[in-house]
């Protein structure tokens, strides 16, 4: 188990055909949990929640590229948890079948999101906040857990990289602004969970990311 803080239960693992990083976040007192970006393998996600003694209440998404929500419908069916997405990414969610065709991934329908995600919205586990960080997609979100010094950045920020901006609704100037104005103002010691690949430290990216550096 990844345990960023005694105040937070956290486990991250890659799922699905494109190995998206899926993260479970749980409150150790209430045992309420959220899942971020269930891009595949819903039964395994449920098994991990059960092993940790957590009750899933919300399924939240950093954005609506196929690899970040392929298992969301099945996970909702298995747990009864609600689906949350920023409204500006609804066009991508509704276009899942087209996305699957383009990337050669089997298509399984996913129900519509239950609730919109808003900038500065408190998350259901009571320990984090949603940040609107557009650029990779118009509705891209990051999730900040200040007490745990934990940032889930989705495909906005990677270890020494940033999200691509050549897909539907992407924009380089916008992602650069999101990173500088919303992420690089956070705690430099924060662990950053990226959408794919290894974790990083926010301060390292501020100083060493070749695409977007703080103060540049």
N, C-alpha and C. Protein backbone atom coordinates (compact mmCIF):
# COMPACT_ATOMS: atom_id res chain seq x y z
N UNK A 1 0.84 -1.19 0.00
CA UNK A 1 0.00 0.00 0.00
C UNK A 1 0.88 1.25 0.00
N UNK A 2 0.49 2.25 -0.79
CA UNK A 2 1.13 3.56 -0.73
C UNK A 2 0.42 4.37 0.33
N UNK A 3 1.12 4.82 1.34
CA UNK A 3 0.52 5.59 2.42
C UNK A 3 1.26 6.91 2.49
N UNK A 4 0.70 7.95 1.88
CA UNK A 4 1.36 9.24 1.84
C UNK A 4 1.36 9.90 3.21
N UNK A 5 0.33 9.67 3.98
CA UNK A 5 0.20 10.30 5.29
C UNK A 5 -0.65 9.41 6.17
N UNK A 6 -0.45 9.52 7.50
CA UNK A 6 -1.30 8.77 8.42
C UNK A 6 -2.74 9.24 8.34
N UNK A 7 -2.96 10.40 7.73
CA UNK A 7 -4.31 10.95 7.61
C UNK A 7 -4.99 10.51 6.31
N UNK A 8 -4.34 9.72 5.51
CA UNK A 8 -4.88 9.40 4.19
C UNK A 8 -4.48 7.99 3.79
N UNK A 9 -5.45 7.21 3.32
CA UNK A 9 -5.15 5.92 2.72
C UNK A 9 -5.04 6.14 1.22
N UNK A 10 -3.95 5.69 0.63
CA UNK A 10 -3.75 5.92 -0.81
C UNK A 10 -3.07 4.73 -1.44
N UNK A 11 -3.63 4.30 -2.57
CA UNK A 11 -3.00 3.25 -3.36
C UNK A 11 -3.14 3.60 -4.84
N UNK A 12 -2.04 3.51 -5.57
CA UNK A 12 -2.02 3.83 -7.00
C UNK A 12 -1.47 2.65 -7.77
N UNK A 13 -2.11 2.33 -8.90
CA UNK A 13 -1.65 1.23 -9.72
C UNK A 13 -2.15 1.45 -11.15
N UNK A 14 -1.40 0.93 -12.15
CA UNK A 14 -1.81 1.10 -13.55
C UNK A 14 -2.91 0.11 -13.93
N UNK A 15 -3.85 0.59 -14.75
CA UNK A 15 -4.96 -0.26 -15.19
C UNK A 15 -5.24 -0.03 -16.68
N UNK A 16 -5.90 -1.00 -17.28
CA UNK A 16 -6.43 -0.83 -18.62
C UNK A 16 -5.42 -0.96 -19.73
N UNK A 17 -5.89 -0.85 -20.96
CA UNK A 17 -5.04 -1.10 -22.12
C UNK A 17 -3.91 -0.10 -22.30
N UNK A 18 -4.08 1.11 -21.78
CA UNK A 18 -3.04 2.13 -21.91
C UNK A 18 -2.35 2.42 -20.58
N UNK A 19 -2.58 1.56 -19.59
CA UNK A 19 -1.88 1.62 -18.30
C UNK A 19 -2.00 3.01 -17.64
N UNK A 20 -3.22 3.47 -17.56
CA UNK A 20 -3.52 4.70 -16.82
C UNK A 20 -3.32 4.46 -15.33
N UNK A 21 -2.78 5.43 -14.63
CA UNK A 21 -2.64 5.32 -13.18
C UNK A 21 -3.98 5.59 -12.51
N UNK A 22 -4.50 4.57 -11.84
CA UNK A 22 -5.74 4.66 -11.07
C UNK A 22 -5.36 4.81 -9.60
N UNK A 23 -6.04 5.70 -8.90
CA UNK A 23 -5.70 5.95 -7.49
C UNK A 23 -6.92 5.81 -6.60
N UNK A 24 -6.76 5.08 -5.50
CA UNK A 24 -7.77 4.98 -4.46
C UNK A 24 -7.37 5.91 -3.32
N UNK A 25 -8.30 6.74 -2.87
CA UNK A 25 -8.07 7.64 -1.75
C UNK A 25 -9.14 7.37 -0.70
N UNK A 26 -8.72 7.08 0.52
CA UNK A 26 -9.68 6.78 1.57
C UNK A 26 -9.42 7.54 2.85
N UNK A 27 -10.50 7.88 3.52
CA UNK A 27 -10.40 8.49 4.84
C UNK A 27 -10.30 7.38 5.88
N UNK A 28 -9.26 7.37 6.72
CA UNK A 28 -9.08 6.26 7.66
C UNK A 28 -10.13 6.21 8.77
N UNK A 29 -10.83 7.32 9.00
CA UNK A 29 -11.85 7.35 10.06
C UNK A 29 -13.21 6.91 9.52
N UNK A 30 -13.70 7.61 8.49
CA UNK A 30 -15.02 7.31 7.94
C UNK A 30 -15.03 6.10 7.03
N UNK A 31 -13.85 5.76 6.50
CA UNK A 31 -13.68 4.67 5.52
C UNK A 31 -14.34 4.99 4.18
N UNK A 32 -14.76 6.24 3.98
CA UNK A 32 -15.25 6.64 2.67
C UNK A 32 -14.08 6.79 1.71
N UNK A 33 -14.32 6.43 0.45
CA UNK A 33 -13.24 6.47 -0.53
C UNK A 33 -13.72 7.06 -1.85
N UNK A 34 -12.73 7.59 -2.58
CA UNK A 34 -12.94 7.99 -3.96
C UNK A 34 -11.96 7.19 -4.82
N UNK A 35 -12.33 6.98 -6.07
CA UNK A 35 -11.43 6.40 -7.05
C UNK A 35 -11.22 7.42 -8.14
N UNK A 36 -9.97 7.65 -8.51
CA UNK A 36 -9.62 8.57 -9.57
C UNK A 36 -9.18 7.78 -10.81
N UNK A 37 -9.84 8.04 -11.93
CA UNK A 37 -9.45 7.50 -13.24
C UNK A 37 -9.42 5.97 -13.31
N UNK A 38 -10.58 5.32 -13.19
CA UNK A 38 -10.63 3.87 -13.35
C UNK A 38 -10.65 3.50 -14.85
N UNK A 39 -9.48 3.38 -15.43
CA UNK A 39 -9.36 3.16 -16.86
C UNK A 39 -9.47 1.71 -17.28
N UNK A 40 -9.73 0.80 -16.34
CA UNK A 40 -9.86 -0.62 -16.67
C UNK A 40 -9.84 -1.46 -15.41
N UNK A 41 -10.08 -2.74 -15.57
CA UNK A 41 -9.97 -3.74 -14.50
C UNK A 41 -10.82 -3.40 -13.27
N UNK A 42 -12.13 -3.20 -13.45
CA UNK A 42 -12.98 -2.78 -12.32
C UNK A 42 -13.05 -3.79 -11.18
N UNK A 43 -13.04 -5.08 -11.52
CA UNK A 43 -13.10 -6.09 -10.45
C UNK A 43 -11.87 -6.03 -9.56
N UNK A 44 -10.72 -5.77 -10.16
CA UNK A 44 -9.49 -5.63 -9.37
C UNK A 44 -9.57 -4.39 -8.48
N UNK A 45 -10.12 -3.31 -9.00
CA UNK A 45 -10.26 -2.09 -8.19
C UNK A 45 -11.16 -2.36 -6.99
N UNK A 46 -12.27 -3.05 -7.22
CA UNK A 46 -13.18 -3.38 -6.11
C UNK A 46 -12.48 -4.27 -5.09
N UNK A 47 -11.69 -5.22 -5.56
CA UNK A 47 -10.96 -6.10 -4.64
C UNK A 47 -9.99 -5.31 -3.77
N UNK A 48 -9.33 -4.31 -4.34
CA UNK A 48 -8.40 -3.50 -3.55
C UNK A 48 -9.17 -2.65 -2.53
N UNK A 49 -10.30 -2.10 -2.92
CA UNK A 49 -11.11 -1.34 -1.97
C UNK A 49 -11.54 -2.22 -0.80
N UNK A 50 -11.98 -3.43 -1.11
CA UNK A 50 -12.41 -4.35 -0.06
C UNK A 50 -11.25 -4.73 0.85
N UNK A 51 -10.08 -4.94 0.27
CA UNK A 51 -8.91 -5.30 1.07
C UNK A 51 -8.52 -4.18 2.03
N UNK A 52 -8.77 -2.95 1.62
CA UNK A 52 -8.45 -1.79 2.45
C UNK A 52 -9.59 -1.41 3.40
N UNK A 53 -10.72 -2.10 3.29
CA UNK A 53 -11.86 -1.82 4.14
C UNK A 53 -12.56 -0.51 3.83
N UNK A 54 -12.55 -0.12 2.55
CA UNK A 54 -13.08 1.18 2.15
C UNK A 54 -14.42 1.05 1.43
N UNK A 55 -15.27 2.06 1.60
CA UNK A 55 -16.56 2.16 0.93
C UNK A 55 -16.48 3.23 -0.14
N UNK A 56 -16.59 2.83 -1.40
CA UNK A 56 -16.47 3.78 -2.50
C UNK A 56 -17.74 4.62 -2.61
N UNK A 57 -17.57 5.95 -2.59
CA UNK A 57 -18.71 6.85 -2.72
C UNK A 57 -18.67 7.69 -3.99
N UNK A 58 -17.48 7.95 -4.52
CA UNK A 58 -17.36 8.80 -5.71
C UNK A 58 -16.30 8.25 -6.66
N UNK A 59 -16.61 8.33 -7.95
CA UNK A 59 -15.66 8.00 -9.01
C UNK A 59 -15.39 9.29 -9.76
N UNK A 60 -14.17 9.81 -9.65
CA UNK A 60 -13.86 11.11 -10.22
C UNK A 60 -12.81 10.96 -11.31
N UNK A 61 -12.79 11.93 -12.21
CA UNK A 61 -11.98 11.80 -13.42
C UNK A 61 -11.16 13.05 -13.66
N UNK A 62 -9.88 12.84 -13.98
CA UNK A 62 -9.05 14.00 -14.33
C UNK A 62 -9.44 14.54 -15.69
N UNK A 63 -9.93 13.67 -16.58
CA UNK A 63 -10.43 14.11 -17.88
C UNK A 63 -11.09 12.92 -18.55
N UNK A 64 -11.63 13.14 -19.76
CA UNK A 64 -12.45 12.11 -20.38
C UNK A 64 -11.83 11.52 -21.64
N UNK A 65 -10.51 11.34 -21.65
CA UNK A 65 -9.93 10.47 -22.67
C UNK A 65 -10.23 9.03 -22.28
N UNK A 66 -10.44 8.18 -23.27
CA UNK A 66 -10.97 6.84 -23.04
C UNK A 66 -10.23 6.06 -21.96
N UNK A 67 -8.91 6.18 -21.91
CA UNK A 67 -8.12 5.34 -21.01
C UNK A 67 -8.27 5.73 -19.54
N UNK A 68 -9.00 6.82 -19.27
CA UNK A 68 -9.19 7.25 -17.89
C UNK A 68 -10.59 6.95 -17.36
N UNK A 69 -11.48 6.42 -18.22
CA UNK A 69 -12.81 6.10 -17.68
C UNK A 69 -13.46 4.85 -18.30
N UNK A 70 -12.67 4.00 -18.94
CA UNK A 70 -13.24 2.81 -19.56
C UNK A 70 -13.99 1.92 -18.57
N UNK A 71 -13.53 1.86 -17.33
CA UNK A 71 -14.17 0.97 -16.35
C UNK A 71 -15.15 1.69 -15.44
N UNK A 72 -15.41 2.96 -15.70
CA UNK A 72 -16.24 3.75 -14.78
C UNK A 72 -17.66 3.22 -14.67
N UNK A 73 -18.26 2.82 -15.80
CA UNK A 73 -19.62 2.32 -15.75
C UNK A 73 -19.73 1.03 -14.95
N UNK A 74 -18.82 0.12 -15.19
CA UNK A 74 -18.84 -1.15 -14.46
C UNK A 74 -18.56 -0.93 -12.97
N UNK A 75 -17.64 -0.02 -12.66
CA UNK A 75 -17.34 0.26 -11.25
C UNK A 75 -18.55 0.86 -10.55
N UNK A 76 -19.27 1.73 -11.23
CA UNK A 76 -20.51 2.29 -10.67
C UNK A 76 -21.53 1.18 -10.43
N UNK A 77 -21.63 0.26 -11.39
CA UNK A 77 -22.57 -0.86 -11.27
C UNK A 77 -22.22 -1.74 -10.08
N UNK A 78 -20.94 -1.96 -9.85
CA UNK A 78 -20.51 -2.85 -8.76
C UNK A 78 -20.63 -2.21 -7.39
N UNK A 79 -20.51 -0.89 -7.31
CA UNK A 79 -20.41 -0.22 -6.01
C UNK A 79 -21.54 0.77 -5.70
N UNK A 80 -22.24 1.24 -6.73
CA UNK A 80 -23.26 2.27 -6.52
C UNK A 80 -22.70 3.67 -6.37
N UNK A 81 -21.39 3.83 -6.57
CA UNK A 81 -20.78 5.15 -6.44
C UNK A 81 -21.19 6.05 -7.61
N UNK A 82 -21.15 7.36 -7.38
CA UNK A 82 -21.54 8.33 -8.40
C UNK A 82 -20.34 8.70 -9.28
N UNK A 83 -20.64 9.07 -10.53
CA UNK A 83 -19.63 9.45 -11.51
C UNK A 83 -19.55 10.97 -11.60
N UNK A 84 -18.31 11.51 -11.58
CA UNK A 84 -18.10 12.96 -11.56
C UNK A 84 -17.14 13.36 -12.68
N UNK A 85 -17.49 14.43 -13.42
CA UNK A 85 -16.68 14.90 -14.53
C UNK A 85 -16.89 16.39 -14.72
N UNK A 86 -15.81 17.12 -15.09
CA UNK A 86 -15.99 18.52 -15.42
C UNK A 86 -16.84 18.63 -16.70
N UNK A 87 -17.83 19.53 -16.72
CA UNK A 87 -18.75 19.60 -17.87
C UNK A 87 -18.07 19.86 -19.21
N UNK A 88 -16.93 20.54 -19.21
CA UNK A 88 -16.29 20.86 -20.48
C UNK A 88 -15.67 19.64 -21.17
N UNK A 89 -15.61 18.52 -20.47
CA UNK A 89 -15.14 17.28 -21.08
C UNK A 89 -16.28 16.33 -21.44
N UNK A 90 -17.51 16.79 -21.31
CA UNK A 90 -18.65 15.90 -21.60
C UNK A 90 -18.63 15.45 -23.07
N UNK A 91 -18.19 16.32 -23.99
CA UNK A 91 -18.16 15.93 -25.40
C UNK A 91 -17.22 14.75 -25.63
N UNK A 92 -16.15 14.66 -24.87
CA UNK A 92 -15.23 13.53 -24.98
C UNK A 92 -15.85 12.26 -24.39
N UNK A 93 -16.52 12.41 -23.26
CA UNK A 93 -17.20 11.28 -22.62
C UNK A 93 -18.25 10.70 -23.57
N UNK A 94 -19.04 11.59 -24.17
CA UNK A 94 -20.09 11.14 -25.08
C UNK A 94 -19.51 10.55 -26.37
N UNK A 95 -18.26 10.86 -26.68
CA UNK A 95 -17.61 10.34 -27.87
C UNK A 95 -16.74 9.13 -27.61
N UNK A 96 -17.04 8.37 -26.55
CA UNK A 96 -16.20 7.23 -26.18
C UNK A 96 -16.09 6.21 -27.32
N UNK A 97 -17.17 5.93 -27.98
CA UNK A 97 -17.12 4.92 -29.05
C UNK A 97 -16.15 5.34 -30.15
N UNK A 98 -16.19 6.61 -30.53
CA UNK A 98 -15.27 7.12 -31.55
C UNK A 98 -13.83 7.03 -31.08
N UNK A 99 -13.59 7.39 -29.81
CA UNK A 99 -12.24 7.29 -29.26
C UNK A 99 -11.74 5.84 -29.32
N UNK A 100 -12.59 4.92 -28.93
CA UNK A 100 -12.19 3.51 -28.92
C UNK A 100 -11.85 3.03 -30.33
N UNK A 101 -12.63 3.46 -31.30
CA UNK A 101 -12.36 3.08 -32.69
C UNK A 101 -11.01 3.62 -33.14
N UNK A 102 -10.71 4.86 -32.78
CA UNK A 102 -9.45 5.48 -33.20
C UNK A 102 -8.24 4.78 -32.60
N UNK A 103 -8.36 4.29 -31.37
CA UNK A 103 -7.23 3.70 -30.68
C UNK A 103 -7.26 2.16 -30.69
N UNK A 104 -8.25 1.60 -31.37
CA UNK A 104 -8.32 0.14 -31.48
C UNK A 104 -8.61 -0.55 -30.17
N UNK A 105 -9.41 0.08 -29.33
CA UNK A 105 -9.75 -0.47 -28.01
C UNK A 105 -11.21 -0.93 -28.03
N UNK A 106 -11.52 -2.11 -27.49
CA UNK A 106 -12.92 -2.56 -27.46
C UNK A 106 -13.82 -1.56 -26.75
N UNK A 107 -15.00 -1.34 -27.32
CA UNK A 107 -15.93 -0.34 -26.79
C UNK A 107 -16.98 -0.98 -25.90
N UNK A 108 -17.13 -0.44 -24.71
CA UNK A 108 -18.21 -0.80 -23.80
C UNK A 108 -18.90 0.49 -23.38
N UNK A 109 -20.19 0.62 -23.57
CA UNK A 109 -20.88 1.87 -23.19
C UNK A 109 -20.70 2.20 -21.72
N UNK A 110 -20.64 3.50 -21.43
CA UNK A 110 -20.54 4.00 -20.06
C UNK A 110 -21.68 4.99 -19.84
N UNK A 111 -22.39 4.90 -18.72
CA UNK A 111 -23.49 5.83 -18.48
C UNK A 111 -23.01 7.27 -18.35
N UNK A 112 -23.92 8.20 -18.48
CA UNK A 112 -23.58 9.61 -18.35
C UNK A 112 -23.09 9.92 -16.94
N UNK A 113 -22.22 10.93 -16.80
CA UNK A 113 -21.81 11.35 -15.45
C UNK A 113 -23.02 11.76 -14.61
N UNK A 114 -22.94 11.49 -13.32
CA UNK A 114 -24.03 11.85 -12.42
C UNK A 114 -23.97 13.30 -11.98
N UNK A 115 -22.75 13.79 -11.75
CA UNK A 115 -22.59 15.13 -11.19
C UNK A 115 -21.40 15.83 -11.84
N UNK A 116 -21.48 17.16 -11.98
CA UNK A 116 -20.35 17.91 -12.52
C UNK A 116 -19.28 18.12 -11.46
N UNK A 117 -18.04 18.17 -11.90
CA UNK A 117 -16.93 18.57 -11.04
C UNK A 117 -16.67 20.05 -11.27
N UNK A 118 -16.48 20.79 -10.20
CA UNK A 118 -16.25 22.23 -10.31
C UNK A 118 -14.91 22.61 -9.71
N UNK A 119 -14.36 23.70 -10.19
CA UNK A 119 -13.11 24.22 -9.64
C UNK A 119 -13.29 24.54 -8.16
N UNK A 120 -12.31 24.15 -7.35
CA UNK A 120 -12.31 24.36 -5.91
C UNK A 120 -13.38 23.57 -5.15
N UNK A 121 -13.93 22.55 -5.79
CA UNK A 121 -14.93 21.71 -5.14
C UNK A 121 -14.27 20.77 -4.15
N UNK A 122 -14.83 20.67 -2.94
CA UNK A 122 -14.34 19.72 -1.95
C UNK A 122 -14.71 18.30 -2.38
N UNK A 123 -13.79 17.37 -2.20
CA UNK A 123 -14.02 15.99 -2.60
C UNK A 123 -14.73 15.20 -1.51
N UNK A 124 -15.37 14.10 -1.90
CA UNK A 124 -16.27 13.39 -1.01
C UNK A 124 -15.59 12.81 0.22
N UNK A 125 -14.30 12.48 0.11
CA UNK A 125 -13.62 11.89 1.26
C UNK A 125 -13.28 12.93 2.33
N UNK A 126 -13.52 14.20 2.02
CA UNK A 126 -13.31 15.26 2.98
C UNK A 126 -11.87 15.67 3.16
N UNK A 127 -10.99 15.24 2.28
CA UNK A 127 -9.57 15.50 2.49
C UNK A 127 -8.90 16.16 1.29
N UNK A 128 -9.65 16.54 0.28
CA UNK A 128 -9.03 17.10 -0.91
C UNK A 128 -9.94 18.06 -1.64
N UNK A 129 -9.39 18.68 -2.68
CA UNK A 129 -10.12 19.67 -3.45
C UNK A 129 -9.82 19.48 -4.93
N UNK A 130 -10.80 19.74 -5.79
CA UNK A 130 -10.63 19.65 -7.23
C UNK A 130 -10.13 20.98 -7.78
N UNK A 131 -9.20 20.93 -8.72
CA UNK A 131 -8.66 22.12 -9.36
C UNK A 131 -8.87 21.99 -10.86
N UNK A 132 -9.49 22.99 -11.48
CA UNK A 132 -9.66 22.98 -12.93
C UNK A 132 -8.34 23.39 -13.57
N UNK A 133 -7.74 22.46 -14.33
CA UNK A 133 -6.43 22.70 -14.95
C UNK A 133 -6.51 22.36 -16.44
N UNK A 134 -7.24 23.15 -17.22
CA UNK A 134 -7.43 22.83 -18.64
C UNK A 134 -6.15 22.97 -19.45
N UNK A 135 -6.19 22.41 -20.65
CA UNK A 135 -5.06 22.48 -21.56
C UNK A 135 -4.86 21.17 -22.29
N UNK A 136 -4.74 20.08 -21.52
CA UNK A 136 -4.70 18.76 -22.15
C UNK A 136 -6.06 18.48 -22.78
N UNK A 137 -7.11 18.76 -22.02
CA UNK A 137 -8.49 18.81 -22.51
C UNK A 137 -9.13 20.04 -21.88
N UNK A 138 -10.27 20.51 -22.39
CA UNK A 138 -10.90 21.70 -21.81
C UNK A 138 -11.36 21.51 -20.36
N UNK A 139 -11.72 20.28 -20.01
CA UNK A 139 -12.23 20.03 -18.66
C UNK A 139 -11.26 19.30 -17.76
N UNK A 140 -9.98 19.31 -18.08
CA UNK A 140 -9.00 18.60 -17.25
C UNK A 140 -9.01 19.11 -15.82
N UNK A 141 -8.93 18.17 -14.88
CA UNK A 141 -8.91 18.48 -13.46
C UNK A 141 -7.67 17.87 -12.81
N UNK A 142 -7.20 18.53 -11.75
CA UNK A 142 -6.20 17.94 -10.85
C UNK A 142 -6.83 17.88 -9.48
N UNK A 143 -6.32 17.04 -8.61
CA UNK A 143 -6.89 16.87 -7.27
C UNK A 143 -5.78 17.04 -6.24
N UNK A 144 -6.01 17.96 -5.30
CA UNK A 144 -5.00 18.38 -4.34
C UNK A 144 -5.42 17.99 -2.93
N UNK A 145 -4.52 17.30 -2.24
CA UNK A 145 -4.74 16.85 -0.87
C UNK A 145 -3.68 17.51 0.01
N UNK A 146 -3.98 18.68 0.55
CA UNK A 146 -2.93 19.50 1.19
C UNK A 146 -2.29 18.86 2.41
N UNK A 147 -3.08 18.22 3.28
CA UNK A 147 -2.49 17.64 4.49
C UNK A 147 -1.54 16.50 4.15
N UNK A 148 -1.84 15.79 3.08
CA UNK A 148 -0.99 14.67 2.67
C UNK A 148 0.12 15.10 1.71
N UNK A 149 0.10 16.38 1.30
CA UNK A 149 1.06 16.86 0.30
C UNK A 149 1.04 15.94 -0.92
N UNK A 150 -0.14 15.75 -1.46
CA UNK A 150 -0.35 14.84 -2.58
C UNK A 150 -1.13 15.55 -3.68
N UNK A 151 -0.63 15.46 -4.90
CA UNK A 151 -1.29 16.04 -6.06
C UNK A 151 -1.51 14.95 -7.10
N UNK A 152 -2.76 14.78 -7.52
CA UNK A 152 -3.07 13.90 -8.64
C UNK A 152 -3.26 14.80 -9.85
N UNK A 153 -2.34 14.72 -10.80
CA UNK A 153 -2.30 15.68 -11.90
C UNK A 153 -2.86 15.15 -13.20
N UNK A 154 -3.25 13.89 -13.25
CA UNK A 154 -3.75 13.33 -14.50
C UNK A 154 -2.73 13.48 -15.61
N UNK A 155 -3.20 13.85 -16.80
CA UNK A 155 -2.30 14.03 -17.93
C UNK A 155 -1.89 15.48 -18.12
N UNK A 156 -2.06 16.31 -17.09
CA UNK A 156 -1.61 17.70 -17.17
C UNK A 156 -0.10 17.79 -16.98
N UNK A 157 0.41 17.11 -15.96
CA UNK A 157 1.83 17.19 -15.63
C UNK A 157 2.40 15.79 -15.45
N UNK A 158 3.54 15.53 -16.10
CA UNK A 158 4.25 14.27 -15.97
C UNK A 158 5.65 14.51 -15.40
N UNK A 159 6.33 13.43 -15.08
CA UNK A 159 7.73 13.55 -14.67
C UNK A 159 8.54 14.02 -15.88
N UNK A 160 9.01 15.25 -15.78
CA UNK A 160 9.77 15.92 -16.84
C UNK A 160 8.99 15.99 -18.15
N UNK A 161 7.70 16.12 -18.04
CA UNK A 161 6.87 16.25 -19.23
C UNK A 161 5.54 16.90 -18.91
N UNK A 162 4.76 17.16 -19.95
CA UNK A 162 3.41 17.68 -19.79
C UNK A 162 2.50 16.90 -20.75
N UNK A 163 1.19 17.08 -20.57
CA UNK A 163 0.24 16.39 -21.43
C UNK A 163 0.27 16.92 -22.86
N UNK A 164 0.01 16.04 -23.80
CA UNK A 164 -0.03 16.45 -25.19
C UNK A 164 -1.24 17.37 -25.42
N UNK A 165 -1.11 18.26 -26.37
CA UNK A 165 -2.16 19.24 -26.63
C UNK A 165 -2.67 19.18 -28.06
N UNK A 166 -2.36 18.08 -28.76
CA UNK A 166 -2.77 17.95 -30.15
C UNK A 166 -4.01 17.09 -30.34
N UNK A 167 -4.65 16.71 -29.24
CA UNK A 167 -5.91 15.98 -29.32
C UNK A 167 -7.08 16.94 -29.13
N UNK A 168 -8.30 16.40 -29.13
CA UNK A 168 -9.52 17.20 -29.10
C UNK A 168 -9.51 18.23 -27.97
N UNK A 169 -9.57 19.51 -28.32
CA UNK A 169 -9.69 20.57 -27.33
C UNK A 169 -8.42 20.92 -26.60
N UNK A 170 -7.27 20.33 -26.99
CA UNK A 170 -6.01 20.64 -26.31
C UNK A 170 -5.46 21.99 -26.74
N UNK A 171 -4.70 22.63 -25.84
CA UNK A 171 -4.12 23.94 -26.16
C UNK A 171 -2.87 24.16 -25.30
N UNK A 172 -1.74 24.42 -25.95
CA UNK A 172 -0.48 24.52 -25.22
C UNK A 172 -0.45 25.71 -24.27
N UNK A 173 -0.87 26.88 -24.74
CA UNK A 173 -0.84 28.07 -23.87
C UNK A 173 -1.69 27.86 -22.63
N UNK A 174 -2.80 27.14 -22.80
CA UNK A 174 -3.71 26.90 -21.67
C UNK A 174 -3.10 25.93 -20.67
N UNK A 175 -2.48 24.85 -21.15
CA UNK A 175 -1.88 23.90 -20.20
C UNK A 175 -0.70 24.54 -19.48
N UNK A 176 0.08 25.36 -20.18
CA UNK A 176 1.19 26.06 -19.54
C UNK A 176 0.68 26.96 -18.43
N UNK A 177 -0.40 27.68 -18.70
CA UNK A 177 -0.97 28.57 -17.69
C UNK A 177 -1.51 27.77 -16.50
N UNK A 178 -2.18 26.65 -16.77
CA UNK A 178 -2.70 25.82 -15.69
C UNK A 178 -1.59 25.32 -14.77
N UNK A 179 -0.50 24.86 -15.37
CA UNK A 179 0.61 24.34 -14.57
C UNK A 179 1.24 25.44 -13.73
N UNK A 180 1.49 26.59 -14.34
CA UNK A 180 2.15 27.67 -13.61
C UNK A 180 1.26 28.29 -12.55
N UNK A 181 -0.02 28.52 -12.89
CA UNK A 181 -0.90 29.28 -12.01
C UNK A 181 -1.65 28.43 -11.00
N UNK A 182 -1.84 27.14 -11.28
CA UNK A 182 -2.62 26.31 -10.37
C UNK A 182 -1.79 25.24 -9.66
N UNK A 183 -0.77 24.70 -10.34
CA UNK A 183 0.00 23.61 -9.74
C UNK A 183 1.30 24.08 -9.11
N UNK A 184 2.03 24.94 -9.80
CA UNK A 184 3.34 25.35 -9.28
C UNK A 184 3.23 26.30 -8.09
N UNK A 185 2.04 26.66 -7.68
CA UNK A 185 1.86 27.46 -6.46
C UNK A 185 1.66 26.58 -5.23
N UNK A 186 1.57 25.27 -5.43
CA UNK A 186 1.34 24.34 -4.33
C UNK A 186 2.66 23.97 -3.65
N UNK A 187 2.58 23.14 -2.64
CA UNK A 187 3.73 22.75 -1.82
C UNK A 187 4.79 22.05 -2.68
N UNK A 188 6.00 22.58 -2.68
CA UNK A 188 7.08 22.00 -3.49
C UNK A 188 7.40 20.57 -3.08
N UNK A 189 7.11 20.20 -1.85
CA UNK A 189 7.42 18.85 -1.38
C UNK A 189 6.34 17.83 -1.75
N UNK A 190 5.29 18.27 -2.43
CA UNK A 190 4.19 17.38 -2.75
C UNK A 190 4.62 16.26 -3.69
N UNK A 191 4.10 15.07 -3.43
CA UNK A 191 4.21 13.95 -4.38
C UNK A 191 3.19 14.18 -5.48
N UNK A 192 3.61 14.00 -6.73
CA UNK A 192 2.71 14.16 -7.87
C UNK A 192 2.45 12.79 -8.50
N UNK A 193 1.18 12.38 -8.50
CA UNK A 193 0.77 11.19 -9.22
C UNK A 193 0.37 11.63 -10.62
N UNK A 194 1.05 11.11 -11.61
CA UNK A 194 0.79 11.49 -12.99
C UNK A 194 -0.21 10.51 -13.63
N UNK A 195 -0.73 10.89 -14.81
CA UNK A 195 -1.71 10.04 -15.46
C UNK A 195 -1.15 8.72 -15.94
N UNK A 196 0.13 8.70 -16.25
CA UNK A 196 0.83 7.50 -16.70
C UNK A 196 2.27 7.59 -16.21
N UNK A 197 2.87 6.45 -15.91
CA UNK A 197 4.27 6.46 -15.56
C UNK A 197 4.55 6.80 -14.11
N UNK A 198 5.81 7.13 -13.81
CA UNK A 198 6.24 7.27 -12.42
C UNK A 198 5.76 8.55 -11.76
N UNK A 199 5.73 8.49 -10.43
CA UNK A 199 5.46 9.69 -9.63
C UNK A 199 6.65 10.63 -9.72
N UNK A 200 6.42 11.87 -9.27
CA UNK A 200 7.50 12.84 -9.21
C UNK A 200 7.25 13.76 -8.02
N UNK A 201 8.15 14.71 -7.83
CA UNK A 201 7.98 15.73 -6.80
C UNK A 201 7.71 17.06 -7.47
N UNK A 202 6.79 17.83 -6.91
CA UNK A 202 6.39 19.08 -7.55
C UNK A 202 7.57 20.04 -7.68
N UNK A 203 8.37 20.15 -6.65
CA UNK A 203 9.51 21.06 -6.71
C UNK A 203 10.51 20.68 -7.79
N UNK A 204 10.68 19.38 -8.01
CA UNK A 204 11.58 18.94 -9.08
C UNK A 204 11.07 19.38 -10.44
N UNK A 205 9.75 19.29 -10.63
CA UNK A 205 9.18 19.73 -11.92
C UNK A 205 9.27 21.24 -12.08
N UNK A 206 9.07 21.96 -11.00
CA UNK A 206 9.16 23.42 -11.06
C UNK A 206 10.55 23.86 -11.54
N UNK A 207 11.57 23.12 -11.13
CA UNK A 207 12.96 23.50 -11.46
C UNK A 207 13.49 22.82 -12.72
N UNK A 208 13.01 21.60 -13.02
CA UNK A 208 13.68 20.78 -14.02
C UNK A 208 12.81 20.36 -15.20
N UNK A 209 11.51 20.63 -15.15
CA UNK A 209 10.66 20.22 -16.27
C UNK A 209 11.05 21.02 -17.51
N UNK A 210 11.44 20.38 -18.60
CA UNK A 210 11.92 21.10 -19.77
C UNK A 210 10.83 21.84 -20.55
N UNK A 211 9.58 21.54 -20.28
CA UNK A 211 8.48 22.15 -21.02
C UNK A 211 7.90 23.36 -20.31
N UNK A 212 7.72 23.26 -18.98
CA UNK A 212 7.15 24.36 -18.20
C UNK A 212 7.92 24.45 -16.89
N UNK A 213 8.64 25.56 -16.69
CA UNK A 213 9.37 25.78 -15.44
C UNK A 213 8.77 26.97 -14.70
N UNK A 214 8.80 26.89 -13.38
CA UNK A 214 8.29 27.99 -12.57
C UNK A 214 9.15 29.24 -12.82
N UNK A 215 8.48 30.35 -13.01
CA UNK A 215 9.18 31.62 -13.17
C UNK A 215 9.71 31.88 -14.55
N UNK A 216 9.64 30.89 -15.44
CA UNK A 216 10.18 31.07 -16.79
C UNK A 216 9.20 31.83 -17.68
